[in-house]
Amino acid sequence: MKKIPTIFKRNPENMGELLDEPHPDCQWVFDGEGVATKKYDGTCVMINSDGYFKRREVKFAPEDFVEIDYDETTGKKVGWVPIKQDDPNDKYHILAFYSGLSEGTYELVGPKIQGNPEKYPVHILIKHSEATPYGYVPRTFEGIKQWLKDKDTEGIVFHHPDGRMGKIKKKDFNQNRT
């Protein structure tokens, strides 16, 4: 899973600032295509026939790193590393995993992940393709900014039927989670 693009362009002079211009890869969002879903604040993992992996962005890749993308802006490689039973850094990944999970990408959330803004009492995996859908979400800069203002969410992920995705976070608008 490549990094999901932010639906608005960023100011090249200040990458923390959004411009009121659609990202070229996300024009479909502004054309009214796709479904808006909750963006969970956790950590991304993947399950496939090769195993169970966590997503990482690194400048220097470990030996077992599977690169899927390169971010020219940050100089970081984006990819996957295997989750290991005996690695203390993976203990919450292991706690959330159970057999029978289907292949795909998930968000790991729970008490010890990102300060638990999602307020889950245990560590669980939420499949990205099954994220909570939102009803109507505006498709303009100001509309999305206002819509997010009073929502207790990290943001929105728009899912196109062909698999493309685009995201926007509250923090992109300098908003804090409520």
Foldseek 3Di string as FASTA:
>chain_A
DDDAAAQFQADPVDRLAGDQHGDVVNVCLLVVFFFKFFDAQFFKWWQDPVGIWGKDWAQDDDPQWDFDDADPVVNTTITIHHQDPPDPVRVLVVQADDPPDDGAMWGWAECPTPNRLVPDPHTYTHGPVRGGTDDDQDRGPVRNLVVCQQAQGQWIWTAGPVGHIHIDGNVSVPHDGD
